Amino acid sequence: MSRELDTEGYWSNELNSLGIQTKRKNELNDRKEMKDLVENVKQVLLQEYRTAYEYE
């Protein structure tokens, strides 16, 4: 993993880009938890996109 991807700032920016604000320091500010949250939100958005544009 590159150093950039291993910083809390990177994952905080990713969450902000997904519309999730991280203003307070709490358990979600842990780097691994933020990374997991980013990945989960992206997967949900991708699944919703696929469902919305699925042709039958």
Protein backbone atom coordinates (compact mmCIF):
# COMPACT_ATOMS: atom_id res chain seq x y z
CA MET A 1 0.00 0.00 0.00
CA SER A 2 1.38 3.40 -0.87
CA ARG A 3 2.02 5.94 1.86
CA GLU A 4 -0.70 8.21 0.48
CA LEU A 5 -3.32 5.50 0.90
CA ASP A 6 -2.10 4.80 4.41
CA THR A 7 -2.99 8.22 5.85
CA GLU A 8 -6.10 9.26 7.73
CA GLY A 9 -6.25 12.42 5.63
CA TYR A 10 -6.58 10.42 2.42
CA TRP A 11 -9.47 8.34 3.75
CA SER A 12 -11.10 11.39 5.31
CA ASN A 13 -11.00 13.10 1.89
CA GLU A 14 -12.47 10.00 0.26
CA LEU A 15 -15.34 10.02 2.76
CA ASN A 16 -15.89 13.73 2.15
CA SER A 17 -16.05 13.10 -1.60
CA LEU A 18 -18.79 10.54 -0.94
CA GLY A 19 -20.79 13.07 1.09
CA ILE A 20 -19.78 11.77 4.52
CA GLN A 21 -18.40 14.47 6.80
CA THR A 22 -15.82 13.51 9.43
CA LYS A 23 -15.67 16.58 11.63
CA ARG A 24 -15.25 14.91 15.02
CA LYS A 25 -12.47 12.59 16.09
CA ASN A 26 -14.11 9.33 17.12
CA GLU A 27 -13.88 5.61 16.45
CA LEU A 28 -14.60 6.24 12.74
CA ASN A 29 -11.42 8.25 12.43
CA ASP A 30 -9.36 5.06 12.70
CA ARG A 31 -7.56 4.65 9.35
CA LYS A 32 -8.67 1.03 8.80
CA GLU A 33 -12.28 1.74 9.72
CA MET A 34 -12.37 4.77 7.41
CA LYS A 35 -10.90 2.68 4.57
CA ASP A 36 -13.48 -0.06 5.16
CA LEU A 37 -16.30 2.50 5.26
CA VAL A 38 -15.14 4.05 1.98
CA GLU A 39 -15.01 0.64 0.31
CA ASN A 40 -18.47 -0.31 1.62
CA VAL A 41 -20.08 2.96 0.53
CA LYS A 42 -18.55 2.63 -2.95
CA GLN A 43 -19.87 -0.94 -3.25
CA VAL A 44 -23.39 0.15 -2.23
CA LEU A 45 -23.35 3.03 -4.72
CA LEU A 46 -22.12 0.74 -7.49
CA GLN A 47 -24.83 -1.83 -6.73
CA GLU A 48 -27.51 0.87 -6.70
CA TYR A 49 -26.23 2.20 -10.04
CA ARG A 50 -26.27 -1.26 -11.57
CA THR A 51 -29.80 -1.91 -10.27
CA ALA A 52 -31.07 1.45 -11.56
CA TYR A 53 -29.68 0.92 -15.08
CA GLU A 54 -30.23 -2.80 -15.41
CA TYR A 55 -32.11 -3.84 -18.53
CA GLU A 56 -34.46 -6.81 -18.43
